Protein backbone atom coordinates (compact mmCIF):
# COMPACT_ATOMS: atom_id res chain seq x y z
CA UNK A 1 115.04 183.84 12.37
CA UNK A 2 116.78 180.69 13.50
CA UNK A 3 116.79 177.50 11.54
CA UNK A 4 118.41 174.08 11.53
CA UNK A 5 118.35 170.91 9.49
CA UNK A 6 118.62 167.30 10.58
CA UNK A 7 119.52 164.04 8.94
CA UNK A 8 118.07 160.69 9.97
CA UNK A 9 120.64 160.25 12.69
CA UNK A 10 119.67 163.54 14.25
CA UNK A 11 122.75 165.64 13.35
CA UNK A 12 121.96 169.35 13.26
CA UNK A 13 123.64 171.80 10.92
CA UNK A 14 124.43 175.47 11.54
CA UNK A 15 121.81 177.56 13.36
CA UNK A 16 122.21 181.34 13.17
CA UNK A 17 120.39 183.91 15.29
CA UNK A 18 120.36 187.68 15.21
CA UNK A 19 119.47 189.46 18.43
CA UNK A 20 120.39 192.52 20.38
CA UNK A 21 122.57 191.58 23.31
CA UNK A 22 125.36 193.91 24.43
CA UNK A 23 128.42 191.84 25.18
CA UNK A 24 132.09 192.53 25.25
CA UNK A 25 134.97 190.36 24.20
CA UNK A 26 135.60 189.50 27.81
CA UNK A 27 132.14 188.06 28.32
CA UNK A 28 131.79 184.36 27.81
CA UNK A 29 129.54 182.72 25.30
CA UNK A 30 127.61 180.91 28.00
CA UNK A 31 126.12 184.13 29.37
CA UNK A 32 125.12 185.19 25.86
CA UNK A 33 123.53 181.84 25.08
CA UNK A 34 121.62 181.89 28.38
CA UNK A 35 120.12 185.26 27.45
CA UNK A 36 119.36 184.09 23.95
CA UNK A 37 117.45 181.06 25.15
CA UNK A 38 114.95 183.31 26.90
CA UNK A 39 113.99 184.62 23.46
CA UNK A 40 111.16 182.75 21.78
CA UNK A 41 113.04 182.67 18.46
CA UNK A 42 115.71 180.26 19.74
CA UNK A 43 113.88 176.96 19.83
CA UNK A 44 115.96 175.55 17.03
CA UNK A 45 119.19 176.27 18.91
CA UNK A 46 117.80 174.67 22.08
CA UNK A 47 116.78 171.63 20.05
CA UNK A 48 120.21 171.35 18.50
CA UNK A 49 121.83 171.43 21.90
CA UNK A 50 119.53 168.73 23.22
CA UNK A 51 120.65 166.51 20.35
CA UNK A 52 124.18 166.63 21.55
CA UNK A 53 125.63 168.72 18.69
CA UNK A 54 127.05 172.21 18.48
CA UNK A 55 125.35 175.27 16.99
CA UNK A 56 126.66 178.60 15.71
CA UNK A 57 125.13 181.65 17.39
CA UNK A 58 125.48 185.19 16.07
CA UNK A 59 124.93 188.01 18.55
CA UNK A 60 125.45 191.47 17.00
CA UNK A 61 128.55 190.38 15.20
CA UNK A 62 129.77 187.97 17.85
CA UNK A 63 129.85 184.53 16.27
CA UNK A 64 130.81 181.56 18.36
CA UNK A 65 130.31 177.84 18.56
CA UNK A 66 127.97 177.06 21.42
CA UNK A 67 128.21 173.54 22.77
CA UNK A 68 125.40 171.63 24.49
CA UNK A 69 126.84 172.36 27.92
CA UNK A 70 126.35 176.09 27.28
CA UNK A 71 122.73 175.89 26.15
CA UNK A 72 119.35 175.52 27.77
CA UNK A 73 119.14 171.90 28.70
CA UNK A 74 121.84 171.78 31.34
CA UNK A 75 122.06 171.30 35.05
CA UNK A 76 122.62 174.94 35.92
CA UNK A 77 119.45 176.12 34.25
CA UNK A 78 117.51 173.25 35.78
CA UNK A 79 118.63 174.35 39.22
CA UNK A 80 117.70 177.94 38.45
CA UNK A 81 114.20 176.95 37.39
CA UNK A 82 113.74 174.63 40.36
CA UNK A 83 114.26 177.49 42.81
CA UNK A 84 110.88 178.95 41.91
CA UNK A 85 108.94 175.68 41.78
CA UNK A 86 106.65 174.75 44.67
CA UNK A 87 104.37 171.77 45.18
CA UNK A 88 101.36 173.85 44.14
CA UNK A 89 103.07 174.63 40.82
CA UNK A 90 103.12 171.00 39.64
CA UNK A 91 100.96 170.45 36.54
CA UNK A 92 98.27 167.77 36.24
CA UNK A 93 97.88 167.19 39.95
CA UNK A 94 94.81 165.04 39.30
CA UNK A 95 96.91 162.53 37.38
CA UNK A 96 99.81 162.69 39.82
CA UNK A 97 97.47 161.87 42.71
CA UNK A 98 96.24 158.70 40.98
CA UNK A 99 99.81 157.68 40.11
CA UNK A 100 100.84 158.24 43.72
CA UNK A 101 98.01 156.11 45.10
CA UNK A 102 98.86 153.33 42.65
CA UNK A 103 102.50 153.44 43.76
CA UNK A 104 101.52 153.32 47.43
CA UNK A 105 100.14 149.80 47.01
CA UNK A 106 103.48 148.03 46.58
CA UNK A 107 105.40 149.40 49.62
CA UNK A 108 102.25 149.00 51.69
CA UNK A 109 102.13 145.28 50.89
CA UNK A 110 105.89 144.71 51.08
CA UNK A 111 106.51 146.43 54.40
CA UNK A 112 103.34 145.01 55.94
CA UNK A 113 104.43 141.41 55.48
CA UNK A 114 108.03 142.16 56.45
CA UNK A 115 106.94 143.11 59.95
CA UNK A 116 105.63 139.58 60.63
CA UNK A 117 107.38 137.40 58.00
CA UNK A 118 109.91 136.02 60.49
CA UNK A 119 107.08 134.87 62.79
CA UNK A 120 104.95 133.54 59.93
CA UNK A 121 107.87 131.38 58.82
CA UNK A 122 108.22 130.18 62.42
CA UNK A 123 104.52 129.31 62.36
CA UNK A 124 105.00 127.25 59.20
CA UNK A 125 107.59 125.04 60.97
CA UNK A 126 108.41 125.84 64.63
CA UNK A 127 111.23 123.28 64.65
CA UNK A 128 113.49 125.28 62.30
CA UNK A 129 116.44 127.19 63.81
CA UNK A 130 116.78 130.96 63.41
CA UNK A 131 119.55 130.63 60.82
CA UNK A 132 117.25 128.61 58.51
CA UNK A 133 114.38 131.04 59.09
CA UNK A 134 116.68 133.90 58.05
CA UNK A 135 117.57 132.09 54.84
CA UNK A 136 113.91 131.39 54.08
CA UNK A 137 113.06 135.05 54.64
CA UNK A 138 115.74 136.01 52.13
CA UNK A 139 114.36 133.52 49.60
CA UNK A 140 110.80 134.85 50.01
CA UNK A 141 111.98 138.41 49.60
CA UNK A 142 114.09 137.52 46.57
CA UNK A 143 111.36 135.48 44.86
CA UNK A 144 109.32 138.61 44.20
CA UNK A 145 112.21 140.56 42.75
CA UNK A 146 113.53 137.55 40.81
CA UNK A 147 110.20 137.23 39.03
CA UNK A 148 110.25 140.98 38.39
CA UNK A 149 113.70 140.69 36.87
CA UNK A 150 112.46 138.10 34.39
CA UNK A 151 109.39 140.07 33.31
CA UNK A 152 110.09 143.79 33.89
CA UNK A 153 111.78 144.34 30.53
CA UNK A 154 108.89 142.55 28.85
CA UNK A 155 106.35 144.75 30.63
CA UNK A 156 108.36 147.80 29.58
CA UNK A 157 108.17 146.76 25.92
CA UNK A 158 104.46 145.99 26.29
CA UNK A 159 103.89 149.41 27.87
CA UNK A 160 105.61 151.02 24.85
CA UNK A 161 103.35 149.17 22.39
CA UNK A 162 100.28 150.68 20.75
CA UNK A 163 98.17 147.62 21.52
CA UNK A 164 98.49 147.84 25.32
CA UNK A 165 100.08 151.08 26.54
CA UNK A 166 100.98 152.17 30.05
CA UNK A 167 97.57 151.97 31.70
CA UNK A 168 96.83 148.36 30.77
CA UNK A 169 100.18 147.17 32.11
CA UNK A 170 99.56 149.08 35.34
CA UNK A 171 96.13 147.46 35.80
CA UNK A 172 97.62 144.00 35.21
CA UNK A 173 100.29 144.67 37.82
CA UNK A 174 97.81 145.85 40.45
CA UNK A 175 95.46 142.90 39.91
CA UNK A 176 98.32 140.40 40.03
CA UNK A 177 99.67 141.91 43.24
CA UNK A 178 96.19 141.74 44.79
CA UNK A 179 95.83 138.02 44.00
CA UNK A 180 99.36 137.38 45.27
CA UNK A 181 98.63 139.23 48.48
CA UNK A 182 95.52 137.19 49.24
CA UNK A 183 97.27 133.91 48.43
CA UNK A 184 100.21 134.76 50.68
CA UNK A 185 97.91 135.55 53.59
CA UNK A 186 96.16 132.19 53.33
CA UNK A 187 99.36 130.16 52.84
CA UNK A 188 100.08 127.43 55.37
CA UNK A 189 103.48 126.25 54.08
CA UNK A 190 106.67 127.92 52.93
CA UNK A 191 106.25 126.63 49.37
CA UNK A 192 102.75 128.07 49.06
CA UNK A 193 104.01 131.45 50.24
CA UNK A 194 106.90 131.24 47.76
CA UNK A 195 104.50 130.49 44.89
CA UNK A 196 102.26 133.48 45.57
CA UNK A 197 105.18 135.85 46.12
CA UNK A 198 106.58 134.80 42.74
CA UNK A 199 103.18 135.31 41.10
CA UNK A 200 103.11 138.88 42.39
CA UNK A 201 106.53 139.57 40.91
CA UNK A 202 105.72 138.04 37.51
CA UNK A 203 102.71 140.30 36.97
CA UNK A 204 104.19 143.46 38.48
CA UNK A 205 106.07 145.91 36.29
CA UNK A 206 104.44 148.89 37.92
CA UNK A 207 107.44 150.85 39.18
CA UNK A 208 108.94 151.34 35.73
CA UNK A 209 105.55 152.16 34.21
CA UNK A 210 104.70 154.70 36.91
CA UNK A 211 108.07 156.43 36.51
CA UNK A 212 107.45 156.59 32.77
CA UNK A 213 103.99 158.08 33.25
CA UNK A 214 105.32 160.74 35.61
CA UNK A 215 107.96 161.66 33.06
CA UNK A 216 105.34 161.96 30.32
CA UNK A 217 102.87 163.81 32.51
CA UNK A 218 105.44 166.30 33.83
CA UNK A 219 107.81 166.90 30.92
CA UNK A 220 109.47 170.16 32.01
CA UNK A 221 112.76 169.50 33.80
CA UNK A 222 112.19 172.29 36.31
CA UNK A 223 109.37 170.22 37.86
CA UNK A 224 111.26 166.92 37.96
CA UNK A 225 112.89 167.31 41.37
CA UNK A 226 109.42 167.42 42.93
CA UNK A 227 107.48 165.19 40.54
CA UNK A 228 109.92 162.28 40.81
CA UNK A 229 110.03 162.81 44.57
CA UNK A 230 106.41 161.65 44.77
CA UNK A 231 107.30 157.97 44.28
CA UNK A 232 109.96 157.64 47.03
CA UNK A 233 107.84 159.83 49.29
CA UNK A 234 104.95 157.46 48.70
CA UNK A 235 107.28 154.59 49.54
CA UNK A 236 108.01 156.23 52.89
CA UNK A 237 104.29 156.62 53.55
CA UNK A 238 103.93 152.92 52.85
CA UNK A 239 106.75 152.12 55.28
CA UNK A 240 104.77 153.95 57.97
CA UNK A 241 101.33 152.47 57.33
CA UNK A 242 102.33 148.97 56.20
CA UNK A 243 104.41 147.84 59.20
CA UNK A 244 101.90 149.26 61.67
CA UNK A 245 99.00 147.46 59.97
CA UNK A 246 101.03 144.27 59.69
CA UNK A 247 102.11 144.40 63.31
CA UNK A 248 98.64 145.18 64.65
CA UNK A 249 96.57 142.76 62.56
CA UNK A 250 98.97 139.80 62.33
CA UNK A 251 97.94 136.80 64.45
CA UNK A 252 94.94 138.53 66.07
CA UNK A 253 93.98 135.39 67.99
CA UNK A 254 97.37 135.31 69.70
CA UNK A 255 97.78 139.06 70.09
CA UNK A 256 94.24 139.79 71.28
CA UNK A 257 92.96 136.54 72.81
CA UNK A 258 90.08 138.23 74.62
CA UNK A 259 88.69 139.56 71.33
CA UNK A 260 89.66 137.00 68.69
CA UNK A 261 90.89 134.00 70.66
CA UNK A 262 87.72 131.99 70.02
CA UNK A 263 87.43 132.72 66.30
CA UNK A 264 88.47 129.63 64.33
CA UNK A 265 89.30 131.60 61.16
CA UNK A 266 92.06 133.60 62.86
CA UNK A 267 93.48 130.45 64.41
CA UNK A 268 93.59 128.65 61.07
CA UNK A 269 94.91 131.66 59.11
CA UNK A 270 96.65 133.92 61.65
CA UNK A 271 98.29 136.11 58.99
CA UNK A 272 95.34 136.56 56.61
CA UNK A 273 93.92 139.76 58.15
CA UNK A 274 96.72 142.20 57.15
CA UNK A 275 96.81 140.73 53.65
CA UNK A 276 93.04 141.14 53.24
CA UNK A 277 93.41 144.81 54.18
CA UNK A 278 96.23 145.22 51.66
CA UNK A 279 94.13 143.53 48.96
CA UNK A 280 91.26 145.94 49.61
CA UNK A 281 93.60 148.88 49.14
CA UNK A 282 94.97 147.37 45.93
CA UNK A 283 91.45 146.95 44.56
CA UNK A 284 90.62 150.59 45.32
CA UNK A 285 93.84 151.72 43.62
CA UNK A 286 93.03 149.57 40.59
CA UNK A 287 89.55 151.11 40.38
CA UNK A 288 90.94 154.65 40.54
CA UNK A 289 93.46 153.90 37.81
CA UNK A 290 90.78 152.48 35.53
CA UNK A 291 88.37 155.39 36.02
CA UNK A 292 90.66 158.42 36.34
CA UNK A 293 94.14 157.79 34.94
CA UNK A 294 94.83 158.95 31.38
CA UNK A 295 97.02 157.02 28.97
CA UNK A 296 100.30 158.88 28.38
CA UNK A 297 101.80 156.87 25.50
CA UNK A 298 101.91 159.00 22.34
CA UNK A 299 100.98 156.04 20.14
CA UNK A 300 97.71 155.52 22.05
CA UNK A 301 96.43 159.11 22.00
CA UNK A 302 93.68 158.31 19.49
CA UNK A 303 92.36 155.18 21.21
CA UNK A 304 89.11 155.03 23.15
CA UNK A 305 89.33 154.55 26.93
CA UNK A 306 86.08 153.17 28.34
CA UNK A 307 87.32 153.49 31.91
CA UNK A 308 87.86 157.23 31.48
CA UNK A 309 84.42 157.54 29.86
CA UNK A 310 82.77 155.91 32.85
CA UNK A 311 84.87 157.97 35.24
CA UNK A 312 83.84 161.11 33.36
CA UNK A 313 80.17 160.21 33.72
CA UNK A 314 80.60 159.45 37.41
CA UNK A 315 82.23 162.85 37.98
CA UNK A 316 79.46 164.52 35.99
CA UNK A 317 76.81 162.74 38.06
CA UNK A 318 78.52 163.83 41.28
CA UNK A 319 78.76 167.38 39.97
CA UNK A 320 75.02 167.42 39.23
CA UNK A 321 74.15 166.08 42.66
CA UNK A 322 76.20 168.79 44.30
CA UNK A 323 74.58 171.42 42.07
CA UNK A 324 71.10 170.20 42.97
CA UNK A 325 71.98 170.42 46.66
CA UNK A 326 72.67 174.13 46.18
CA UNK A 327 76.45 173.98 46.13
CA UNK A 328 78.57 174.53 43.04
CA UNK A 329 82.34 174.70 43.28
CA UNK A 330 84.14 177.28 41.19
CA UNK A 331 86.36 175.62 38.58
CA UNK A 332 90.11 175.94 38.95
CA UNK A 333 92.97 175.20 36.60
CA UNK A 334 93.97 171.99 38.39
CA UNK A 335 90.47 170.93 39.42
CA UNK A 336 89.56 167.30 38.93
CA UNK A 337 85.90 168.21 38.38
CA UNK A 338 84.48 168.35 34.88
CA UNK A 339 85.99 171.00 32.63
CA UNK A 340 83.95 171.45 29.46
CA UNK A 341 86.83 173.19 27.71
CA UNK A 342 89.30 170.39 28.47
CA UNK A 343 86.82 167.56 27.83
CA UNK A 344 84.45 168.69 25.07
CA UNK A 345 81.27 166.78 24.28
CA UNK A 346 80.77 166.86 20.54
CA UNK A 347 77.04 166.07 20.41
CA UNK A 348 74.87 168.95 21.53
CA UNK A 349 75.37 171.68 24.07
CA UNK A 350 73.49 170.11 26.94
CA UNK A 351 75.74 168.09 29.22
CA UNK A 352 72.90 165.67 29.80
CA UNK A 353 73.54 164.23 26.38
CA UNK A 354 76.67 162.60 27.76
CA UNK A 355 74.44 159.91 29.18
CA UNK A 356 72.74 159.22 25.87
CA UNK A 357 73.76 156.23 23.83
CA UNK A 358 74.44 158.36 20.77
CA UNK A 359 76.74 160.81 22.58
CA UNK A 360 80.33 161.02 21.48
CA UNK A 361 82.81 159.09 23.63
CA UNK A 362 84.83 161.08 26.12
CA UNK A 363 88.42 161.73 25.07
CA UNK A 364 90.97 163.46 27.28
CA UNK A 365 93.06 166.33 26.00
CA UNK A 366 96.45 165.04 24.92
CA UNK A 367 99.60 166.73 23.74
CA UNK A 368 100.58 166.45 20.09
CA UNK A 369 102.85 163.54 19.20
CA UNK A 370 106.55 164.33 19.44
CA UNK A 371 107.81 161.35 17.46
CA UNK A 372 106.60 158.93 14.81
CA UNK A 373 109.39 156.34 14.80
CA UNK A 374 110.59 153.94 17.47
CA UNK A 375 114.27 153.66 18.32
CA UNK A 376 115.65 150.14 17.66
CA UNK A 377 116.40 148.15 20.78
CA UNK A 378 120.08 147.76 19.91
CA UNK A 379 120.60 151.55 19.99
CA UNK A 380 119.30 151.98 23.53
CA UNK A 381 122.53 151.04 25.31
CA UNK A 382 124.59 154.20 24.96
CA UNK A 383 127.65 154.62 27.25
CA UNK A 384 125.71 156.85 29.64
CA UNK A 385 122.80 154.39 29.79
CA UNK A 386 125.20 151.56 30.71
CA UNK A 387 126.96 153.69 33.35
CA UNK A 388 123.64 154.80 34.84
CA UNK A 389 122.32 151.24 35.03
CA UNK A 390 125.55 150.05 36.66
CA UNK A 391 125.31 152.68 39.39
CA UNK A 392 121.59 151.94 39.80
CA UNK A 393 122.33 148.21 40.12
CA UNK A 394 124.80 148.75 42.98
CA UNK A 395 122.50 151.19 44.77
CA UNK A 396 119.55 148.79 44.53
CA UNK A 397 121.79 145.92 45.65
CA UNK A 398 122.77 147.35 49.01
CA UNK A 399 119.50 149.22 49.72
CA UNK A 400 117.37 146.18 48.84
CA UNK A 401 119.55 143.82 50.86
CA UNK A 402 119.45 146.11 53.87
CA UNK A 403 115.65 146.36 53.67
CA UNK A 404 115.35 142.56 53.69
CA UNK A 405 117.87 142.08 56.52
CA UNK A 406 116.70 144.92 58.72
CA UNK A 407 113.45 143.31 59.88
CA UNK A 408 115.18 139.93 60.30
CA UNK A 409 117.88 141.54 62.45
CA UNK A 410 115.23 143.27 64.57
CA UNK A 411 113.35 139.97 65.05
CA UNK A 412 116.42 137.79 65.75
CA UNK A 413 116.51 136.73 69.43
CA UNK A 414 118.92 138.50 71.73
CA UNK A 415 122.15 136.62 72.33
CA UNK A 416 122.06 134.92 75.72
CA UNK A 417 125.51 133.72 76.88
CA UNK A 418 123.89 131.55 79.57
CA UNK A 419 121.63 129.67 77.13
CA UNK A 420 124.27 128.62 74.59
CA UNK A 421 124.26 128.83 70.83
CA UNK A 422 124.39 126.63 67.76
CA UNK A 423 128.17 126.94 67.52
CA UNK A 424 130.63 126.85 70.44
CA UNK A 425 132.48 129.76 68.81
CA UNK A 426 129.44 131.95 69.42
CA UNK A 427 130.16 131.89 73.16
CA UNK A 428 133.39 133.79 72.71
CA UNK A 429 132.71 137.47 72.15
CA UNK A 430 135.76 139.36 70.91
CA UNK A 431 134.91 142.98 70.21
CA UNK A 432 134.87 144.89 67.98
CA UNK A 433 133.94 142.30 65.31
CA UNK A 434 133.14 138.92 66.89
CA UNK A 435 129.65 139.06 68.44
CA UNK A 436 126.18 137.76 67.54
CA UNK A 437 122.46 138.14 68.26
CA UNK A 438 119.71 140.56 67.28
CA UNK A 439 117.22 142.74 69.13
CA UNK A 440 114.40 140.20 69.63
CA UNK A 441 111.59 142.67 68.91
CA UNK A 442 107.98 141.49 68.50
CA UNK A 443 105.95 142.25 65.31
CA UNK A 444 104.36 145.40 66.71
CA UNK A 445 107.75 146.71 67.80
CA UNK A 446 109.26 145.74 64.45
CA UNK A 447 106.48 147.67 62.75
CA UNK A 448 107.19 150.70 64.91
CA UNK A 449 110.93 150.54 64.17
CA UNK A 450 110.25 150.28 60.44
CA UNK A 451 107.75 153.15 60.62
CA UNK A 452 110.56 155.37 61.90
CA UNK A 453 112.10 154.98 58.44
CA UNK A 454 109.01 156.42 56.81
CA UNK A 455 108.53 159.30 59.23
CA UNK A 456 112.12 160.46 58.89
CA UNK A 457 112.02 160.06 55.12
CA UNK A 458 108.85 162.10 54.62
CA UNK A 459 110.14 164.92 56.82
CA UNK A 460 113.36 165.13 54.81
CA UNK A 461 111.66 164.81 51.43
CA UNK A 462 109.11 167.52 52.09
CA UNK A 463 111.39 169.98 53.82
CA UNK A 464 114.93 169.61 52.54
CA UNK A 465 115.29 167.57 49.35
CA UNK A 466 113.70 169.97 46.81
CA UNK A 467 115.58 172.94 48.25
CA UNK A 468 118.95 171.18 48.37
CA UNK A 469 118.51 169.48 45.00
CA UNK A 470 117.75 172.84 43.38
CA UNK A 471 121.02 174.26 44.66
CA UNK A 472 123.33 171.29 44.23
CA UNK A 473 121.83 169.75 41.12
CA UNK A 474 120.75 166.16 40.60
CA UNK A 475 124.16 164.57 40.07
CA UNK A 476 126.00 166.42 42.84
CA UNK A 477 123.33 165.73 45.48
CA UNK A 478 123.19 162.09 44.36
CA UNK A 479 126.94 161.58 44.71
CA UNK A 480 127.14 163.47 47.99
CA UNK A 481 124.49 161.45 49.80
CA UNK A 482 125.74 158.10 48.56
CA UNK A 483 128.46 158.65 51.17
CA UNK A 484 125.97 158.03 53.99
CA UNK A 485 125.41 154.35 53.16
CA UNK A 486 128.84 152.83 53.96
CA UNK A 487 128.88 154.38 57.43
CA UNK A 488 125.30 153.31 58.17
CA UNK A 489 125.83 149.67 57.23
CA UNK A 490 129.03 149.48 59.23
CA UNK A 491 127.40 150.51 62.52
CA UNK A 492 124.07 148.62 62.18
CA UNK A 493 125.18 145.33 63.84
CA UNK A 494 126.38 147.21 66.92
CA UNK A 495 122.73 147.83 67.82
CA UNK A 496 122.76 144.33 69.31
CA UNK A 497 125.31 145.61 71.85
CA UNK A 498 123.20 148.59 72.94
CA UNK A 499 122.44 148.54 76.70
CA UNK A 500 118.93 147.24 77.40
CA UNK A 501 116.66 147.75 80.38
CA UNK A 502 115.78 144.04 80.23
CA UNK A 503 118.46 141.33 80.61
CA UNK A 504 118.84 138.56 77.97
CA UNK A 505 117.03 136.66 76.59
CA UNK A 506 114.29 139.31 76.88
CA UNK A 507 113.89 141.62 73.85
CA UNK A 508 115.98 144.76 73.78
CA UNK A 509 114.18 147.66 75.41
CA UNK A 510 114.79 151.06 76.91
CA UNK A 511 115.53 154.60 75.83
CA UNK A 512 119.10 153.86 74.75
CA UNK A 513 117.98 151.09 72.39
CA UNK A 514 115.37 153.23 70.65
CA UNK A 515 117.68 156.23 70.44
CA UNK A 516 120.30 154.00 68.81
CA UNK A 517 117.73 152.62 66.33
CA UNK A 518 116.54 156.13 65.45
CA UNK A 519 120.11 157.37 65.04
CA UNK A 520 121.14 154.58 62.67
CA UNK A 521 117.94 154.91 60.66
CA UNK A 522 118.43 158.66 60.42
CA UNK A 523 121.70 158.19 58.53
CA UNK A 524 120.17 155.56 56.25
CA UNK A 525 117.07 157.62 55.52
CA UNK A 526 119.13 160.72 54.71
CA UNK A 527 121.11 158.75 52.15
CA UNK A 528 118.04 157.04 50.72
CA UNK A 529 115.95 160.21 50.60
CA UNK A 530 118.44 162.05 48.42
CA UNK A 531 119.95 159.16 46.43
CA UNK A 532 116.86 157.27 45.25
CA UNK A 533 114.89 160.19 43.72
CA UNK A 534 118.05 161.43 42.02
CA UNK A 535 118.73 157.92 40.70
CA UNK A 536 115.23 157.78 39.23
CA UNK A 537 115.70 161.15 37.51
CA UNK A 538 119.05 160.03 36.08
CA UNK A 539 117.57 156.80 34.72
CA UNK A 540 114.71 158.78 33.18
CA UNK A 541 116.99 161.38 31.60
CA UNK A 542 119.53 158.89 30.26
CA UNK A 543 116.85 157.64 27.85
CA UNK A 544 118.27 158.15 24.34
CA UNK A 545 114.84 158.61 22.70
CA UNK A 546 111.31 159.19 24.10
CA UNK A 547 109.90 156.27 22.07
CA UNK A 548 111.78 153.83 24.33
CA UNK A 549 111.15 155.59 27.64
CA UNK A 550 108.99 152.76 28.95
CA UNK A 551 111.55 150.21 27.78
CA UNK A 552 114.39 152.03 29.55
CA UNK A 553 112.40 152.18 32.78
CA UNK A 554 111.53 148.51 32.33
CA UNK A 555 115.21 147.66 31.91
CA UNK A 556 115.98 149.81 34.92
CA UNK A 557 113.42 147.92 36.97
CA UNK A 558 114.86 144.61 35.74
CA UNK A 559 118.34 145.71 36.80
CA UNK A 560 116.97 146.80 40.17
CA UNK A 561 115.03 143.54 40.54
CA UNK A 562 118.13 141.50 39.74
CA UNK A 563 120.02 143.34 42.47
CA UNK A 564 117.14 142.96 44.91
CA UNK A 565 117.05 139.24 44.09
CA UNK A 566 120.73 138.44 44.45
CA UNK A 567 121.15 140.74 47.45
CA UNK A 568 118.52 139.25 49.80
CA UNK A 569 119.39 135.68 48.77
CA UNK A 570 123.08 136.13 49.40
CA UNK A 571 122.45 138.43 52.34
CA UNK A 572 120.10 135.96 54.04
CA UNK A 573 122.64 133.17 53.64
CA UNK A 574 125.51 135.29 54.98
CA UNK A 575 123.37 136.51 57.86
CA UNK A 576 122.53 132.95 58.88
CA UNK A 577 126.18 131.94 58.66
CA UNK A 578 127.15 134.95 60.72
CA UNK A 579 124.65 134.03 63.43
CA UNK A 580 125.97 130.48 63.55
CA UNK A 581 129.61 131.59 63.78
CA UNK A 582 129.25 134.53 66.10
CA UNK A 583 129.87 137.30 63.54
CA UNK A 584 126.42 138.79 62.94
CA UNK A 585 127.90 141.95 61.45
CA UNK A 586 129.73 140.27 58.55
CA UNK A 587 126.91 140.73 56.04
CA UNK A 588 126.43 144.40 56.97
CA UNK A 589 130.12 145.10 56.55
CA UNK A 590 129.97 143.49 53.10
CA UNK A 591 127.12 145.89 52.27
CA UNK A 592 129.36 148.75 53.30
CA UNK A 593 131.93 147.62 50.72
CA UNK A 594 129.24 147.39 48.01
CA UNK A 595 128.11 150.93 48.86
CA UNK A 596 131.68 152.16 48.36
CA UNK A 597 131.67 150.50 44.94
CA UNK A 598 128.48 152.39 44.11
CA UNK A 599 130.18 155.68 44.98
CA UNK A 600 132.99 154.88 42.54
CA UNK A 601 130.49 153.93 39.79
CA UNK A 602 128.65 157.24 40.22
CA UNK A 603 131.71 159.13 38.98
CA UNK A 604 131.11 157.82 35.43
CA UNK A 605 127.49 159.05 35.19
CA UNK A 606 126.25 162.32 33.74
CA UNK A 607 122.71 163.64 33.44
CA UNK A 608 121.18 163.22 29.99
CA UNK A 609 118.30 165.11 28.40
CA UNK A 610 116.01 162.21 27.42
CA UNK A 611 116.40 162.77 23.68
CA UNK A 612 120.05 162.37 22.73
CA UNK A 613 119.29 160.41 19.54
CA UNK A 614 117.04 162.07 16.97
CA UNK A 615 115.15 160.21 14.26
CA UNK A 616 113.49 161.52 11.13
CA UNK A 617 110.13 163.11 11.96
CA UNK A 618 110.92 163.94 15.60
CA UNK A 619 109.59 167.21 16.98
CA UNK A 620 110.68 169.43 19.85
CA UNK A 621 108.65 169.38 23.04
CA UNK A 622 107.92 173.09 22.70
CA UNK A 623 106.87 173.17 19.06
């Protein structure tokens, strides 16, 4: 029987195992250890490997030192497990659905307002030139992420605390985003819009919390390639729905004068309608989280959740109604209907007692605690954590900057050599680098162009990413598809030179323009589809101890928010300067250089196991 001992720092001593495995001297220890780990008696050895120390394994007289790279928690075994995992195999689908709907709210709001932000800023002050509007758009985009940068680490620590937990922080973020969304829609000046965008960022630490909850809901690494894919896939769904809603419902009095031209409300607040729709969705998501989402923080497993109790009673009431109507659905393992075995009622055998005032409160079934101590903050920043955050910072910098510039570039008027420009130098076009102008698309067309991002992303994420990630591994696929970004950013500005069926200053149009847009976006979406989910997995797995998982994701979101703050601010300024000086592509070529820096940074990152530091009282996940 295997055994090990640990000190407070988590150092394991010798672990010895006896088993029958026929090997020869020529066979390597890795093959022996792989076979051994399939035996149920080897949990101690697997635990020792996950702590980053070596163990001694005895196999019919063969004694060898087995290092962590040769044991269970490694990339090769993860890829082997992932080959057999399908979407239907994911555990706790009921919880993952609620998490996914909560995540959908943010990209829905963000991409919705991006489709008309350029024109809303024009409506605030029609006298401003396009270069100033571009800078204001960058400031608005950066205000949200700047506020997130200031508060994300705080929300991560709050989410790790026993007093609040993950669910409370998530509800605060959704409610704050809803208020921010309504305020932005009814803003009539740039400063009002800036205030409400900042409010949304201050209260929103949702991305880090949702990533933490997915990690705690789906703890087996073989499911991670699909479970962590849910968040970026949801983002792509938001980039489809949001821009279309924003483009259709923005300025209804001007877009549909025969229907809404006489309605004073739409004349006074032309951009309120899409924000009201977004706020309704946020409210529904908040309600679902309160009623159906279970708390995943180990420290809060014994606390009462009144929202879940009410949700349980609602589901029970619905189940009774369906039973009375003569229809009763057979229970399944992943069913979200009431499961008496999973959710026992302690008072009486009749389920009707759940409505009585003296009935025991509903408590979900939780896993046993895996740790009792919390890792000190100063011990979080291991070398791999720092390397992972550095690579994540650079990736967020160029992706976030591109997302903020893309809709501005699409909305920028087409360069007209006959009309003139702000700078005399803009008249002189010297290819391949000296040229200016955008595509001049209207909000509905901008929404359609942005929706292409989502459609391409979902197709790739559903069909290719899990298969390719299982074969290449997280780190290899991440590094490989980072190569797509430099090329994409370099060719983006040349869209303004695509032949159009309409002469300037009319907006770009025609089959060649849309084929060029789709082609450029295809390269960007391929890189984003494979790089962002892998980056999330790497941030999750670089966590040195599960007690600080929420904190690490909060720090990761702060790092990302810092990048998405600096990037759009600097990018908007450089874009405006490029327009004024006839070099619209300068900012995109700078992004290409940043993307190359991200590729270099990725070489210093390795995939962790989420529990590299062990404290006294820690338990294995499988014990």
